[in-house]
């Protein structure tokens, strides 16, 4: 059952990436990200309030347990990691084609595996090494496709932004494993709704500070902010994708490595959006890159 939820989360995540691209088109990045964190917080704020003041949600999947600083300090750290990933990712997404960003983001499971290799001492088998190799080849092929559009992977800072976003996303995935694992397995054992609800609240507060310090004083001399309906869609699809992702991780037998890989299948959805709605170029060569990414994920799946 947890695998089915992982696929649903992947589809929602692909829609999230596509609406994010639409929201950022000709728009100021920082206020868009701020609004996204605010709307995500507003989605979960009622669950926090109802859980602390009533018993309506006590037996439901939406109950948010109360916790002290010992738990919230871990959630605060997750907020910092995710927000940094989003900042780099949003800036990169704005300036790069979705059909380039999607496959790069799809290499996150490889980064998670390498992180597990270094941090948790896990060993990779032959299939997993093959998946890593295919991902490296796909990245090289993608750089050749990008060159046709004037994107130099070695010197384009937005490529580095997307890669940093993917690296931080992989760190967040490993950290999720640590947060959700029970103490007897070396984890913290935090409730998934506690993590998802409060990390959104913390992110909104941090983005307010970034907005007031970095964008507001320069707003008349930089890219202006304009409202677009897709900004709300970004928050809705992200919240739904993360809710189902955390729920999948909470089910018995769920494996973070498999869930992470399946979630990266969102690249198929975002790639289709890039091709059909954004009319991006060089799709034939990028399809080959995408197939290599998916084959790499399949090898990781078999090896896991």
C-alpha atoms as a PDB file:
ATOM      1  CA  UNK A   1       0.000   0.000   0.000  1.00  0.00           C
ATOM      2  CA  UNK A   2       2.818   2.441   0.820  1.00  0.00           C
ATOM      3  CA  UNK A   3       4.160   1.999  -2.728  1.00  0.00           C
ATOM      4  CA  UNK A   4       0.813   3.087  -4.213  1.00  0.00           C
ATOM      5  CA  UNK A   5       0.861   6.220  -2.076  1.00  0.00           C
ATOM      6  CA  UNK A   6       4.423   6.900  -3.247  1.00  0.00           C
ATOM      7  CA  UNK A   7       3.225   6.866  -6.877  1.00  0.00           C
ATOM      8  CA  UNK A   8       0.333   9.215  -6.039  1.00  0.00           C
ATOM      9  CA  UNK A   9       2.786  11.551  -4.329  1.00  0.00           C
ATOM     10  CA  UNK A  10       5.003  11.455  -7.444  1.00  0.00           C
ATOM     11  CA  UNK A  11       2.128  12.503  -9.712  1.00  0.00           C
ATOM     12  CA  UNK A  12       1.203  15.379  -7.394  1.00  0.00           C
ATOM     13  CA  UNK A  13       4.858  16.422  -7.174  1.00  0.00           C
ATOM     14  CA  UNK A  14       5.085  16.598 -10.968  1.00  0.00           C
ATOM     15  CA  UNK A  15       2.060  18.933 -11.023  1.00  0.00           C
ATOM     16  CA  UNK A  16       3.694  21.003  -8.259  1.00  0.00           C
ATOM     17  CA  UNK A  17       6.864  21.484 -10.331  1.00  0.00           C
ATOM     18  CA  UNK A  18       4.818  22.474 -13.378  1.00  0.00           C
ATOM     19  CA  UNK A  19       2.710  25.056 -11.541  1.00  0.00           C
ATOM     20  CA  UNK A  20       5.892  26.374  -9.903  1.00  0.00           C
ATOM     21  CA  UNK A  21       7.385  27.012 -13.350  1.00  0.00           C
ATOM     22  CA  UNK A  22       4.219  28.876 -14.356  1.00  0.00           C
ATOM     23  CA  UNK A  23       4.169  30.930 -11.139  1.00  0.00           C
ATOM     24  CA  UNK A  24       7.800  32.009 -11.566  1.00  0.00           C
ATOM     25  CA  UNK A  25       7.505  33.111 -15.202  1.00  0.00           C
ATOM     26  CA  UNK A  26       8.527  36.796 -15.228  1.00  0.00           C
ATOM     27  CA  UNK A  27       7.918  36.968 -11.487  1.00  0.00           C
ATOM     28  CA  UNK A  28       9.978  37.843  -8.409  1.00  0.00           C
ATOM     29  CA  UNK A  29      11.202  34.609  -6.796  1.00  0.00           C
ATOM     30  CA  UNK A  30      11.335  35.592  -3.116  1.00  0.00           C
ATOM     31  CA  UNK A  31       7.736  36.882  -2.746  1.00  0.00           C
ATOM     32  CA  UNK A  32       6.402  33.884  -4.698  1.00  0.00           C
ATOM     33  CA  UNK A  33       8.232  31.504  -2.363  1.00  0.00           C
ATOM     34  CA  UNK A  34       7.033  33.508   0.647  1.00  0.00           C
ATOM     35  CA  UNK A  35       3.408  33.233  -0.486  1.00  0.00           C
ATOM     36  CA  UNK A  36       3.836  29.510  -1.083  1.00  0.00           C
ATOM     37  CA  UNK A  37       5.094  28.987   2.473  1.00  0.00           C
ATOM     38  CA  UNK A  38       2.236  31.125   3.839  1.00  0.00           C
ATOM     39  CA  UNK A  39      -0.432  29.189   1.934  1.00  0.00           C
ATOM     40  CA  UNK A  40       1.109  25.858   2.990  1.00  0.00           C
ATOM     41  CA  UNK A  41       1.039  27.066   6.604  1.00  0.00           C
ATOM     42  CA  UNK A  42      -2.599  28.130   6.285  1.00  0.00           C
ATOM     43  CA  UNK A  43      -3.485  24.650   5.021  1.00  0.00           C
ATOM     44  CA  UNK A  44      -2.049  22.997   8.147  1.00  0.00           C
ATOM     45  CA  UNK A  45      -2.773  25.681  10.758  1.00  0.00           C
ATOM     46  CA  UNK A  46      -6.392  24.498  11.306  1.00  0.00           C
ATOM     47  CA  UNK A  47      -5.106  20.980  12.068  1.00  0.00           C
ATOM     48  CA  UNK A  48      -2.717  22.371  14.701  1.00  0.00           C
ATOM     49  CA  UNK A  49      -5.444  24.479  16.317  1.00  0.00           C
ATOM     50  CA  UNK A  50      -8.124  21.754  16.254  1.00  0.00           C
ATOM     51  CA  UNK A  51      -5.681  19.156  17.610  1.00  0.00           C
ATOM     52  CA  UNK A  52      -4.654  21.343  20.559  1.00  0.00           C
ATOM     53  CA  UNK A  53      -8.117  22.708  21.461  1.00  0.00           C
ATOM     54  CA  UNK A  54     -10.522  19.866  20.621  1.00  0.00           C
ATOM     55  CA  UNK A  55     -10.689  16.085  20.358  1.00  0.00           C
ATOM     56  CA  UNK A  56     -12.139  16.082  16.819  1.00  0.00           C
ATOM     57  CA  UNK A  57      -8.939  14.878  15.172  1.00  0.00           C
ATOM     58  CA  UNK A  58      -7.636  12.584  17.913  1.00  0.00           C
ATOM     59  CA  UNK A  59      -8.192   9.366  15.969  1.00  0.00           C
ATOM     60  CA  UNK A  60      -7.715  10.758  12.456  1.00  0.00           C
ATOM     61  CA  UNK A  61      -4.718  10.967  10.130  1.00  0.00           C
ATOM     62  CA  UNK A  62      -4.742  14.776  10.544  1.00  0.00           C
ATOM     63  CA  UNK A  63      -4.070  14.896  14.282  1.00  0.00           C
ATOM     64  CA  UNK A  64      -1.047  17.028  15.234  1.00  0.00           C
ATOM     65  CA  UNK A  65       0.359  15.981  18.625  1.00  0.00           C
ATOM     66  CA  UNK A  66       1.845  18.548  20.979  1.00  0.00           C
ATOM     67  CA  UNK A  67       5.611  18.507  21.508  1.00  0.00           C
ATOM     68  CA  UNK A  68       8.276  20.483  23.316  1.00  0.00           C
ATOM     69  CA  UNK A  69      11.527  22.056  22.219  1.00  0.00           C
ATOM     70  CA  UNK A  70      13.273  18.662  22.140  1.00  0.00           C
ATOM     71  CA  UNK A  71      11.127  17.752  19.113  1.00  0.00           C
ATOM     72  CA  UNK A  72      10.784  21.214  17.577  1.00  0.00           C
ATOM     73  CA  UNK A  73      14.533  21.776  17.329  1.00  0.00           C
ATOM     74  CA  UNK A  74      14.720  18.849  14.893  1.00  0.00           C
ATOM     75  CA  UNK A  75      11.786  20.245  12.890  1.00  0.00           C
ATOM     76  CA  UNK A  76      13.401  23.684  12.809  1.00  0.00           C
ATOM     77  CA  UNK A  77      16.555  22.185  11.301  1.00  0.00           C
ATOM     78  CA  UNK A  78      14.462  20.429   8.639  1.00  0.00           C
ATOM     79  CA  UNK A  79      12.826  23.778   7.832  1.00  0.00           C
ATOM     80  CA  UNK A  80      16.230  25.379   7.246  1.00  0.00           C
ATOM     81  CA  UNK A  81      17.374  22.520   4.980  1.00  0.00           C
ATOM     82  CA  UNK A  82      14.169  22.483   2.915  1.00  0.00           C
ATOM     83  CA  UNK A  83      13.979  26.271   2.634  1.00  0.00           C
ATOM     84  CA  UNK A  84      17.548  26.493   1.349  1.00  0.00           C
ATOM     85  CA  UNK A  85      16.726  23.759  -1.171  1.00  0.00           C
ATOM     86  CA  UNK A  86      13.639  25.685  -2.274  1.00  0.00           C
ATOM     87  CA  UNK A  87      15.495  28.990  -2.604  1.00  0.00           C
ATOM     88  CA  UNK A  88      18.106  27.467  -4.893  1.00  0.00           C
ATOM     89  CA  UNK A  89      15.470  25.415  -6.703  1.00  0.00           C
ATOM     90  CA  UNK A  90      13.083  28.318  -7.323  1.00  0.00           C
ATOM     91  CA  UNK A  91      15.799  30.561  -8.745  1.00  0.00           C
ATOM     92  CA  UNK A  92      17.081  27.742 -10.955  1.00  0.00           C
ATOM     93  CA  UNK A  93      13.578  26.768 -12.072  1.00  0.00           C
ATOM     94  CA  UNK A  94      12.821  30.333 -13.149  1.00  0.00           C
ATOM     95  CA  UNK A  95      15.823  30.565 -15.465  1.00  0.00           C
ATOM     96  CA  UNK A  96      15.985  27.021 -16.895  1.00  0.00           C
ATOM     97  CA  UNK A  97      13.660  24.865 -19.027  1.00  0.00           C
ATOM     98  CA  UNK A  98      11.472  22.449 -17.082  1.00  0.00           C
ATOM     99  CA  UNK A  99      12.724  19.622 -19.307  1.00  0.00           C
ATOM    100  CA  UNK A 100      16.249  20.328 -17.990  1.00  0.00           C
ATOM    101  CA  UNK A 101      15.335  20.861 -14.327  1.00  0.00           C
ATOM    102  CA  UNK A 102      13.167  17.732 -14.050  1.00  0.00           C
ATOM    103  CA  UNK A 103      15.830  15.156 -15.012  1.00  0.00           C
ATOM    104  CA  UNK A 104      18.423  16.850 -12.784  1.00  0.00           C
ATOM    105  CA  UNK A 105      16.027  16.687  -9.838  1.00  0.00           C
ATOM    106  CA  UNK A 106      15.382  13.042 -10.695  1.00  0.00           C
ATOM    107  CA  UNK A 107      18.979  12.206  -9.733  1.00  0.00           C
ATOM    108  CA  UNK A 108      18.140  12.819  -6.054  1.00  0.00           C
ATOM    109  CA  UNK A 109      17.714   9.096  -5.265  1.00  0.00           C
ATOM    110  CA  UNK A 110      21.330   8.590  -6.375  1.00  0.00           C
ATOM    111  CA  UNK A 111      22.378  11.345  -3.984  1.00  0.00           C
ATOM    112  CA  UNK A 112      20.288   9.740  -1.224  1.00  0.00           C
ATOM    113  CA  UNK A 113      21.999   6.399  -1.853  1.00  0.00           C
ATOM    114  CA  UNK A 114      25.441   7.995  -1.802  1.00  0.00           C
ATOM    115  CA  UNK A 115      24.470   9.779   1.407  1.00  0.00           C
ATOM    116  CA  UNK A 116      23.307   6.510   2.929  1.00  0.00           C
ATOM    117  CA  UNK A 117      26.630   5.014   1.844  1.00  0.00           C
ATOM    118  CA  UNK A 118      28.608   7.756   3.599  1.00  0.00           C
ATOM    119  CA  UNK A 119      26.382   8.529   6.608  1.00  0.00           C
ATOM    120  CA  UNK A 120      24.688   5.242   7.456  1.00  0.00           C
ATOM    121  CA  UNK A 121      27.452   2.921   6.208  1.00  0.00           C
ATOM    122  CA  UNK A 122      25.143   1.170   3.742  1.00  0.00           C
ATOM    123  CA  UNK A 123      26.704  -0.824   0.896  1.00  0.00           C
ATOM    124  CA  UNK A 124      25.591  -0.638  -2.731  1.00  0.00           C
ATOM    125  CA  UNK A 125      25.050  -3.788  -4.778  1.00  0.00           C
ATOM    126  CA  UNK A 126      25.634  -4.247  -8.503  1.00  0.00           C
ATOM    127  CA  UNK A 127      22.200  -3.002  -9.576  1.00  0.00           C
ATOM    128  CA  UNK A 128      22.543   0.113  -7.452  1.00  0.00           C
ATOM    129  CA  UNK A 129      25.989   0.884  -8.857  1.00  0.00           C
ATOM    130  CA  UNK A 130      24.526   0.460 -12.368  1.00  0.00           C
ATOM    131  CA  UNK A 131      21.757   2.920 -11.446  1.00  0.00           C
ATOM    132  CA  UNK A 132      24.355   5.412 -10.225  1.00  0.00           C
ATOM    133  CA  UNK A 133      26.364   4.988 -13.444  1.00  0.00           C
ATOM    134  CA  UNK A 134      23.273   5.513 -15.646  1.00  0.00           C
ATOM    135  CA  UNK A 135      22.406   8.658 -13.707  1.00  0.00           C
ATOM    136  CA  UNK A 136      25.903  10.041 -14.268  1.00  0.00           C
ATOM    137  CA  UNK A 137      25.677   9.272 -18.001  1.00  0.00           C
ATOM    138  CA  UNK A 138      22.212  10.878 -18.187  1.00  0.00           C
ATOM    139  CA  UNK A 139      23.577  14.016 -16.526  1.00  0.00           C
ATOM    140  CA  UNK A 140      26.340  14.185 -19.157  1.00  0.00           C
ATOM    141  CA  UNK A 141      23.799  13.652 -21.957  1.00  0.00           C
ATOM    142  CA  UNK A 142      21.572  16.315 -20.467  1.00  0.00           C
ATOM    143  CA  UNK A 143      24.468  18.781 -20.517  1.00  0.00           C
ATOM    144  CA  UNK A 144      24.845  18.134 -24.269  1.00  0.00           C
ATOM    145  CA  UNK A 145      21.121  18.757 -24.807  1.00  0.00           C
ATOM    146  CA  UNK A 146      21.328  21.949 -22.759  1.00  0.00           C
ATOM    147  CA  UNK A 147      24.252  23.199 -24.851  1.00  0.00           C
ATOM    148  CA  UNK A 148      21.914  23.324 -27.867  1.00  0.00           C
ATOM    149  CA  UNK A 149      19.870  25.905 -25.956  1.00  0.00           C
ATOM    150  CA  UNK A 150      22.877  27.949 -24.914  1.00  0.00           C
ATOM    151  CA  UNK A 151      23.078  26.387 -21.435  1.00  0.00           C
ATOM    152  CA  UNK A 152      26.652  25.596 -20.402  1.00  0.00           C
ATOM    153  CA  UNK A 153      26.508  23.172 -17.456  1.00  0.00           C
ATOM    154  CA  UNK A 154      30.044  24.122 -16.393  1.00  0.00           C
ATOM    155  CA  UNK A 155      29.519  27.879 -16.314  1.00  0.00           C
ATOM    156  CA  UNK A 156      25.772  28.430 -15.905  1.00  0.00           C
ATOM    157  CA  UNK A 157      25.100  29.409 -12.280  1.00  0.00           C
ATOM    158  CA  UNK A 158      21.461  28.338 -12.518  1.00  0.00           C
ATOM    159  CA  UNK A 159      22.573  24.762 -13.189  1.00  0.00           C
ATOM    160  CA  UNK A 160      24.621  24.941  -9.986  1.00  0.00           C
ATOM    161  CA  UNK A 161      21.541  26.284  -8.197  1.00  0.00           C
ATOM    162  CA  UNK A 162      19.456  23.284  -9.322  1.00  0.00           C
ATOM    163  CA  UNK A 163      22.225  20.837  -8.394  1.00  0.00           C
ATOM    164  CA  UNK A 164      22.538  22.448  -4.935  1.00  0.00           C
ATOM    165  CA  UNK A 165      18.752  22.258  -4.554  1.00  0.00           C
ATOM    166  CA  UNK A 166      18.871  18.554  -5.435  1.00  0.00           C
ATOM    167  CA  UNK A 167      21.727  17.926  -2.988  1.00  0.00           C
ATOM    168  CA  UNK A 168      19.868  19.681  -0.176  1.00  0.00           C
ATOM    169  CA  UNK A 169      16.723  17.764  -1.136  1.00  0.00           C
ATOM    170  CA  UNK A 170      18.681  14.527  -0.768  1.00  0.00           C
ATOM    171  CA  UNK A 171      19.934  15.682   2.643  1.00  0.00           C
ATOM    172  CA  UNK A 172      16.318  16.388   3.598  1.00  0.00           C
ATOM    173  CA  UNK A 173      15.306  12.886   2.481  1.00  0.00           C
ATOM    174  CA  UNK A 174      17.999  11.285   4.639  1.00  0.00           C
ATOM    175  CA  UNK A 175      16.999  13.532   7.524  1.00  0.00           C
ATOM    176  CA  UNK A 176      13.361  12.439   7.106  1.00  0.00           C
ATOM    177  CA  UNK A 177      14.494   8.852   7.584  1.00  0.00           C
ATOM    178  CA  UNK A 178      16.182   9.889  10.823  1.00  0.00           C
ATOM    179  CA  UNK A 179      13.180  11.902  12.033  1.00  0.00           C
ATOM    180  CA  UNK A 180      10.572   9.225  11.299  1.00  0.00           C
ATOM    181  CA  UNK A 181      12.522   6.161  12.440  1.00  0.00           C
ATOM    182  CA  UNK A 182      11.616   4.959  15.949  1.00  0.00           C
ATOM    183  CA  UNK A 183      14.220   5.466  18.703  1.00  0.00           C
ATOM    184  CA  UNK A 184      14.930   1.724  18.878  1.00  0.00           C
ATOM    185  CA  UNK A 185      16.089   1.970  15.253  1.00  0.00           C
ATOM    186  CA  UNK A 186      18.303   4.985  15.917  1.00  0.00           C
ATOM    187  CA  UNK A 187      15.788   7.672  14.917  1.00  0.00           C
ATOM    188  CA  UNK A 188      13.870  10.398  16.699  1.00  0.00           C
ATOM    189  CA  UNK A 189      10.416   8.867  16.205  1.00  0.00           C
ATOM    190  CA  UNK A 190       8.543  12.104  15.411  1.00  0.00           C
ATOM    191  CA  UNK A 191       4.940  12.105  14.243  1.00  0.00           C
ATOM    192  CA  UNK A 192       4.615  12.864  10.520  1.00  0.00           C
ATOM    193  CA  UNK A 193       1.846  15.477  10.969  1.00  0.00           C
ATOM    194  CA  UNK A 194       3.884  17.207  13.678  1.00  0.00           C
ATOM    195  CA  UNK A 195       6.809  17.499  11.263  1.00  0.00           C
ATOM    196  CA  UNK A 196       4.847  18.579   8.188  1.00  0.00           C
ATOM    197  CA  UNK A 197       2.632  21.087   9.982  1.00  0.00           C
ATOM    198  CA  UNK A 198       5.321  22.876  11.953  1.00  0.00           C
ATOM    199  CA  UNK A 199       8.083  22.914   9.367  1.00  0.00           C
ATOM    200  CA  UNK A 200       5.723  24.876   7.104  1.00  0.00           C
ATOM    201  CA  UNK A 201       5.056  27.375   9.907  1.00  0.00           C
ATOM    202  CA  UNK A 202       8.776  27.825  10.552  1.00  0.00           C
ATOM    203  CA  UNK A 203       9.474  28.264   6.854  1.00  0.00           C
ATOM    204  CA  UNK A 204       6.846  30.998   6.517  1.00  0.00           C
ATOM    205  CA  UNK A 205       8.427  32.895   9.421  1.00  0.00           C
ATOM    206  CA  UNK A 206      11.909  32.564   7.935  1.00  0.00           C
ATOM    207  CA  UNK A 207      10.731  33.612   4.472  1.00  0.00           C
ATOM    208  CA  UNK A 208       9.055  36.698   5.964  1.00  0.00           C
ATOM    209  CA  UNK A 209      12.467  37.729   7.303  1.00  0.00           C
ATOM    210  CA  UNK A 210      14.092  37.052   3.906  1.00  0.00           C
ATOM    211  CA  UNK A 211      11.344  39.010   2.145  1.00  0.00           C
ATOM    212  CA  UNK A 212      11.688  42.070   4.381  1.00  0.00           C
ATOM    213  CA  UNK A 213      15.501  42.086   4.403  1.00  0.00           C
ATOM    214  CA  UNK A 214      16.425  40.957   0.885  1.00  0.00           C
ATOM    215  CA  UNK A 215      13.551  41.812  -1.481  1.00  0.00           C
ATOM    216  CA  UNK A 216      11.380  44.573  -0.024  1.00  0.00           C
ATOM    217  CA  UNK A 217      14.103  47.278   0.150  1.00  0.00           C
ATOM    218  CA  UNK A 218      15.080  46.545  -3.490  1.00  0.00           C
ATOM    219  CA  UNK A 219      11.596  45.856  -4.873  1.00  0.00           C
ATOM    220  CA  UNK A 220      11.551  48.978  -7.108  1.00  0.00           C
ATOM    221  CA  UNK A 221      14.891  48.093  -8.662  1.00  0.00           C
ATOM    222  CA  UNK A 222      14.440  44.368  -9.242  1.00  0.00           C
ATOM    223  CA  UNK A 223      11.931  41.988 -10.832  1.00  0.00           C
ATOM    224  CA  UNK A 224       8.400  43.044  -9.791  1.00  0.00           C
ATOM    225  CA  UNK A 225       5.892  40.758  -8.117  1.00  0.00           C
ATOM    226  CA  UNK A 226       2.605  40.005  -9.846  1.00  0.00           C
ATOM    227  CA  UNK A 227      -0.173  37.700  -8.716  1.00  0.00           C
ATOM    228  CA  UNK A 228      -0.965  34.506 -10.610  1.00  0.00           C
ATOM    229  CA  UNK A 229      -3.480  31.800  -9.713  1.00  0.00           C
ATOM    230  CA  UNK A 230      -0.789  29.112 -10.118  1.00  0.00           C
ATOM    231  CA  UNK A 231       0.855  30.361  -6.873  1.00  0.00           C
ATOM    232  CA  UNK A 232      -2.010  28.828  -4.866  1.00  0.00           C
ATOM    233  CA  UNK A 233      -1.839  25.640  -6.943  1.00  0.00           C
ATOM    234  CA  UNK A 234       1.858  25.285  -6.037  1.00  0.00           C
ATOM    235  CA  UNK A 235       0.998  25.239  -2.320  1.00  0.00           C
ATOM    236  CA  UNK A 236      -1.972  22.889  -2.715  1.00  0.00           C
ATOM    237  CA  UNK A 237      -0.142  20.278  -4.796  1.00  0.00           C
ATOM    238  CA  UNK A 238       3.007  20.467  -2.655  1.00  0.00           C
ATOM    239  CA  UNK A 239       1.062  20.045   0.595  1.00  0.00           C
ATOM    240  CA  UNK A 240      -0.889  17.100  -0.830  1.00  0.00           C
ATOM    241  CA  UNK A 241       2.269  15.461  -2.237  1.00  0.00           C
ATOM    242  CA  UNK A 242       4.153  15.843   1.065  1.00  0.00           C
ATOM    243  CA  UNK A 243       1.184  14.661   3.146  1.00  0.00           C
ATOM    244  CA  UNK A 244       0.923  11.443   1.127  1.00  0.00           C
ATOM    245  CA  UNK A 245       4.736  11.092   1.157  1.00  0.00           C
ATOM    246  CA  UNK A 246       4.914  11.299   4.957  1.00  0.00           C
ATOM    247  CA  UNK A 247       1.912   8.974   5.265  1.00  0.00           C
ATOM    248  CA  UNK A 248       3.625   6.423   3.002  1.00  0.00           C
ATOM    249  CA  UNK A 249       6.762   6.581   5.176  1.00  0.00           C
ATOM    250  CA  UNK A 250       4.681   5.989   8.298  1.00  0.00           C
ATOM    251  CA  UNK A 251       3.225   2.694   7.001  1.00  0.00           C
ATOM    252  CA  UNK A 252       4.789  -0.624   8.099  1.00  0.00           C
ATOM    253  CA  UNK A 253       7.549  -1.824   5.809  1.00  0.00           C
ATOM    254  CA  UNK A 254       7.965   1.491   3.989  1.00  0.00           C
ATOM    255  CA  UNK A 255      11.485   2.001   2.617  1.00  0.00           C
ATOM    256  CA  UNK A 256      12.781   5.565   2.253  1.00  0.00           C
ATOM    257  CA  UNK A 257      15.066   4.549  -0.631  1.00  0.00           C
ATOM    258  CA  UNK A 258      12.141   3.133  -2.658  1.00  0.00           C
ATOM    259  CA  UNK A 259       9.740   5.964  -1.784  1.00  0.00           C
ATOM    260  CA  UNK A 260      12.394   8.517  -2.734  1.00  0.00           C
ATOM    261  CA  UNK A 261      12.970   6.847  -6.097  1.00  0.00           C
ATOM    262  CA  UNK A 262       9.276   6.543  -6.912  1.00  0.00           C
ATOM    263  CA  UNK A 263       8.731  10.212  -5.992  1.00  0.00           C
ATOM    264  CA  UNK A 264      11.352  11.209  -8.560  1.00  0.00           C
ATOM    265  CA  UNK A 265       9.043   9.627 -11.153  1.00  0.00           C
ATOM    266  CA  UNK A 266       7.390  13.051 -10.996  1.00  0.00           C
ATOM    267  CA  UNK A 267       9.874  13.999 -13.725  1.00  0.00           C
ATOM    268  CA  UNK A 268       7.595  12.273 -16.259  1.00  0.00           C
ATOM    269  CA  UNK A 269       4.673  14.565 -15.354  1.00  0.00           C
ATOM    270  CA  UNK A 270       6.785  17.740 -15.339  1.00  0.00           C
ATOM    271  CA  UNK A 271       8.472  16.705 -18.617  1.00  0.00           C
ATOM    272  CA  UNK A 272       5.070  16.318 -20.283  1.00  0.00           C
ATOM    273  CA  UNK A 273       4.002  19.731 -18.970  1.00  0.00           C
ATOM    274  CA  UNK A 274       7.210  21.250 -20.355  1.00  0.00           C
ATOM    275  CA  UNK A 275       6.592  19.685 -23.745  1.00  0.00           C
ATOM    276  CA  UNK A 276       2.840  20.286 -24.072  1.00  0.00           C
ATOM    277  CA  UNK A 277       2.244  23.602 -22.300  1.00  0.00           C
ATOM    278  CA  UNK A 278       5.605  25.410 -22.258  1.00  0.00           C
ATOM    279  CA  UNK A 279       6.596  24.230 -25.766  1.00  0.00           C
ATOM    280  CA  UNK A 280      10.228  23.681 -24.786  1.00  0.00           C
ATOM    281  CA  UNK A 281      12.888  22.754 -27.362  1.00  0.00           C
ATOM    282  CA  UNK A 282      15.138  19.788 -28.213  1.00  0.00           C
ATOM    283  CA  UNK A 283      12.628  17.291 -26.853  1.00  0.00           C
ATOM    284  CA  UNK A 284      13.936  14.320 -28.859  1.00  0.00           C
ATOM    285  CA  UNK A 285      17.398  14.419 -27.281  1.00  0.00           C
ATOM    286  CA  UNK A 286      15.921  15.173 -23.862  1.00  0.00           C
ATOM    287  CA  UNK A 287      13.642  12.126 -24.114  1.00  0.00           C
ATOM    288  CA  UNK A 288      16.777   9.949 -24.372  1.00  0.00           C
ATOM    289  CA  UNK A 289      18.159  11.676 -21.270  1.00  0.00           C
ATOM    290  CA  UNK A 290      14.858  11.068 -19.482  1.00  0.00           C
ATOM    291  CA  UNK A 291      14.845   7.385 -20.442  1.00  0.00           C
ATOM    292  CA  UNK A 292      18.363   7.002 -19.012  1.00  0.00           C
ATOM    293  CA  UNK A 293      17.226   8.652 -15.768  1.00  0.00           C
ATOM    294  CA  UNK A 294      14.228   6.310 -15.536  1.00  0.00           C
ATOM    295  CA  UNK A 295      16.398   3.267 -16.311  1.00  0.00           C
ATOM    296  CA  UNK A 296      18.761   4.364 -13.551  1.00  0.00           C
ATOM    297  CA  UNK A 297      15.819   4.605 -11.153  1.00  0.00           C
ATOM    298  CA  UNK A 298      14.627   1.145 -12.253  1.00  0.00           C
ATOM    299  CA  UNK A 299      18.060  -0.313 -11.523  1.00  0.00           C
ATOM    300  CA  UNK A 300      18.043   1.327  -8.104  1.00  0.00           C
ATOM    301  CA  UNK A 301      14.569  -0.139  -7.505  1.00  0.00           C
ATOM    302  CA  UNK A 302      15.684  -3.655  -8.483  1.00  0.00           C
ATOM    303  CA  UNK A 303      18.822  -3.344  -6.401  1.00  0.00           C
ATOM    304  CA  UNK A 304      16.889  -2.187  -3.371  1.00  0.00           C
END
